[in-house]
Amino acid sequence: MVLLSIVFLAFAVAAVLPIFFIFRKAGMSPFFGFLMLIPGFGFLICLSILAFSQWNLNTAEGV
């Protein structure tokens, strides 16, 4: 049972961490990444937020 918990935790971190960094890079709250933990629809919700919201990017001028 402990091994199953460790495996679940590893998959949860592997799912949330990349989305956490994507939201942070897009200028949004990185805690939206925790939506990935919603079974079935979490990834779809995260993609919808990223696709239909305005990104606040801080880019250098002239680039």
N, C-alpha and C. Protein backbone atom coordinates (compact mmCIF):
# COMPACT_ATOMS: atom_id res chain seq x y z
N MET A 1 0.82 -1.19 0.00
CA MET A 1 0.00 0.00 0.00
C MET A 1 0.87 1.26 0.00
N VAL A 2 1.97 1.21 0.71
CA VAL A 2 2.89 2.34 0.75
C VAL A 2 3.51 2.56 -0.63
N LEU A 3 3.84 1.49 -1.30
CA LEU A 3 4.43 1.60 -2.63
C LEU A 3 3.45 2.24 -3.61
N LEU A 4 2.18 1.90 -3.50
CA LEU A 4 1.16 2.49 -4.35
C LEU A 4 1.04 3.99 -4.09
N SER A 5 1.15 4.40 -2.85
CA SER A 5 1.10 5.83 -2.51
C SER A 5 2.29 6.58 -3.08
N ILE A 6 3.45 5.96 -3.03
CA ILE A 6 4.65 6.58 -3.56
C ILE A 6 4.55 6.71 -5.09
N VAL A 7 4.02 5.71 -5.74
CA VAL A 7 3.86 5.75 -7.20
C VAL A 7 2.85 6.83 -7.58
N PHE A 8 1.75 6.93 -6.85
CA PHE A 8 0.75 7.97 -7.12
C PHE A 8 1.36 9.35 -6.93
N LEU A 9 2.12 9.55 -5.88
CA LEU A 9 2.76 10.84 -5.63
C LEU A 9 3.75 11.19 -6.73
N ALA A 10 4.49 10.20 -7.22
CA ALA A 10 5.44 10.45 -8.31
C ALA A 10 4.71 10.87 -9.59
N PHE A 11 3.58 10.22 -9.90
CA PHE A 11 2.81 10.59 -11.08
C PHE A 11 2.17 11.96 -10.92
N ALA A 12 1.73 12.28 -9.72
CA ALA A 12 1.13 13.59 -9.48
C ALA A 12 2.15 14.70 -9.67
N VAL A 13 3.35 14.51 -9.16
CA VAL A 13 4.41 15.51 -9.32
C VAL A 13 4.80 15.62 -10.79
N ALA A 14 4.88 14.48 -11.47
CA ALA A 14 5.25 14.48 -12.89
C ALA A 14 4.19 15.17 -13.74
N ALA A 15 2.94 15.18 -13.30
CA ALA A 15 1.88 15.83 -14.07
C ALA A 15 1.78 17.32 -13.75
N VAL A 16 1.96 17.69 -12.50
CA VAL A 16 1.74 19.07 -12.06
C VAL A 16 2.96 19.95 -12.34
N LEU A 17 4.13 19.46 -12.15
CA LEU A 17 5.34 20.29 -12.24
C LEU A 17 5.54 20.96 -13.60
N PRO A 18 5.43 20.26 -14.72
CA PRO A 18 5.61 20.95 -16.01
C PRO A 18 4.55 22.02 -16.26
N ILE A 19 3.31 21.73 -15.90
CA ILE A 19 2.23 22.71 -16.09
C ILE A 19 2.44 23.90 -15.17
N PHE A 20 2.97 23.65 -13.98
CA PHE A 20 3.31 24.71 -13.03
C PHE A 20 4.25 25.72 -13.69
N PHE A 21 5.29 25.21 -14.36
CA PHE A 21 6.27 26.09 -15.00
C PHE A 21 5.70 26.78 -16.23
N ILE A 22 4.82 26.11 -16.95
CA ILE A 22 4.19 26.73 -18.13
C ILE A 22 3.33 27.91 -17.71
N PHE A 23 2.52 27.73 -16.67
CA PHE A 23 1.68 28.83 -16.19
C PHE A 23 2.54 29.99 -15.69
N ARG A 24 3.63 29.68 -15.01
CA ARG A 24 4.51 30.74 -14.51
C ARG A 24 5.16 31.49 -15.67
N LYS A 25 5.56 30.78 -16.71
CA LYS A 25 6.19 31.41 -17.87
C LYS A 25 5.19 32.27 -18.64
N ALA A 26 3.90 31.90 -18.58
CA ALA A 26 2.86 32.65 -19.27
C ALA A 26 2.40 33.86 -18.46
N GLY A 27 2.95 34.07 -17.28
CA GLY A 27 2.60 35.23 -16.47
C GLY A 27 1.34 35.03 -15.65
N MET A 28 0.94 33.79 -15.46
CA MET A 28 -0.26 33.49 -14.67
C MET A 28 0.16 32.84 -13.36
N SER A 29 -0.81 32.64 -12.49
CA SER A 29 -0.52 31.97 -11.23
C SER A 29 -0.14 30.52 -11.50
N PRO A 30 1.04 30.11 -11.04
CA PRO A 30 1.45 28.73 -11.30
C PRO A 30 0.60 27.70 -10.56
N PHE A 31 -0.18 28.14 -9.60
CA PHE A 31 -0.99 27.20 -8.83
C PHE A 31 -2.17 26.65 -9.64
N PHE A 32 -2.41 27.23 -10.83
CA PHE A 32 -3.38 26.62 -11.74
C PHE A 32 -2.94 25.21 -12.13
N GLY A 33 -1.66 24.93 -11.98
CA GLY A 33 -1.14 23.60 -12.30
C GLY A 33 -1.76 22.50 -11.46
N PHE A 34 -2.25 22.86 -10.28
CA PHE A 34 -2.88 21.85 -9.42
C PHE A 34 -4.22 21.38 -9.98
N LEU A 35 -4.75 22.08 -10.97
CA LEU A 35 -5.96 21.61 -11.64
C LEU A 35 -5.71 20.28 -12.35
N MET A 36 -4.46 19.97 -12.62
CA MET A 36 -4.12 18.70 -13.26
C MET A 36 -4.52 17.51 -12.40
N LEU A 37 -4.71 17.73 -11.12
CA LEU A 37 -5.05 16.63 -10.21
C LEU A 37 -6.52 16.25 -10.27
N ILE A 38 -7.34 17.01 -11.00
CA ILE A 38 -8.74 16.66 -11.17
C ILE A 38 -8.82 15.50 -12.15
N PRO A 39 -9.35 14.38 -11.73
CA PRO A 39 -9.36 13.21 -12.61
C PRO A 39 -10.21 13.43 -13.87
N GLY A 40 -9.64 13.08 -14.99
CA GLY A 40 -10.37 13.13 -16.25
C GLY A 40 -10.35 14.46 -16.96
N PHE A 41 -10.66 15.55 -16.28
CA PHE A 41 -10.81 16.83 -16.93
C PHE A 41 -9.72 17.84 -16.60
N GLY A 42 -8.81 17.51 -15.72
CA GLY A 42 -7.79 18.45 -15.29
C GLY A 42 -6.93 18.97 -16.43
N PHE A 43 -6.47 18.07 -17.28
CA PHE A 43 -5.62 18.47 -18.40
C PHE A 43 -6.39 19.35 -19.37
N LEU A 44 -7.64 19.01 -19.62
CA LEU A 44 -8.48 19.80 -20.51
C LEU A 44 -8.73 21.20 -19.96
N ILE A 45 -8.94 21.30 -18.67
CA ILE A 45 -9.14 22.61 -18.03
C ILE A 45 -7.88 23.45 -18.16
N CYS A 46 -6.72 22.86 -17.89
CA CYS A 46 -5.45 23.59 -18.00
C CYS A 46 -5.21 24.06 -19.43
N LEU A 47 -5.46 23.20 -20.40
CA LEU A 47 -5.28 23.60 -21.79
C LEU A 47 -6.24 24.72 -22.18
N SER A 48 -7.46 24.65 -21.69
CA SER A 48 -8.45 25.69 -22.00
C SER A 48 -8.02 27.04 -21.42
N ILE A 49 -7.52 27.04 -20.21
CA ILE A 49 -7.05 28.28 -19.59
C ILE A 49 -5.90 28.86 -20.39
N LEU A 50 -4.96 28.00 -20.76
CA LEU A 50 -3.80 28.48 -21.52
C LEU A 50 -4.18 28.94 -22.92
N ALA A 51 -5.15 28.29 -23.54
CA ALA A 51 -5.51 28.61 -24.92
C ALA A 51 -6.33 29.88 -25.03
N PHE A 52 -7.20 30.13 -24.07
CA PHE A 52 -8.16 31.22 -24.23
C PHE A 52 -7.90 32.43 -23.33
N SER A 53 -6.78 32.46 -22.65
CA SER A 53 -6.46 33.63 -21.82
C SER A 53 -5.31 34.41 -22.44
N GLN A 54 -5.20 35.65 -22.05
CA GLN A 54 -4.13 36.49 -22.56
C GLN A 54 -2.87 36.26 -21.73
N TRP A 55 -1.78 36.02 -22.41
CA TRP A 55 -0.53 35.76 -21.73
C TRP A 55 0.17 37.08 -21.45
N ASN A 56 0.63 37.29 -20.25
CA ASN A 56 1.37 38.48 -19.87
C ASN A 56 2.86 38.19 -19.95
N LEU A 57 3.40 38.24 -21.13
CA LEU A 57 4.81 37.94 -21.33
C LEU A 57 5.65 39.19 -21.17
N ASN A 58 6.77 39.07 -20.51
CA ASN A 58 7.72 40.15 -20.38
C ASN A 58 8.85 39.89 -21.35
N THR A 59 8.76 40.49 -22.53
CA THR A 59 9.79 40.29 -23.54
C THR A 59 10.61 41.57 -23.69
N ALA A 60 11.82 41.39 -24.13
CA ALA A 60 12.69 42.54 -24.37
C ALA A 60 12.23 43.28 -25.63
N GLU A 61 12.38 44.58 -25.64
CA GLU A 61 11.96 45.35 -26.81
C GLU A 61 12.85 45.02 -28.00
N GLY A 62 12.23 44.96 -29.16
CA GLY A 62 12.97 44.69 -30.38
C GLY A 62 13.21 43.23 -30.65
N VAL A 63 12.67 42.38 -29.82
CA VAL A 63 12.87 40.93 -30.02
C VAL A 63 11.60 40.34 -30.55
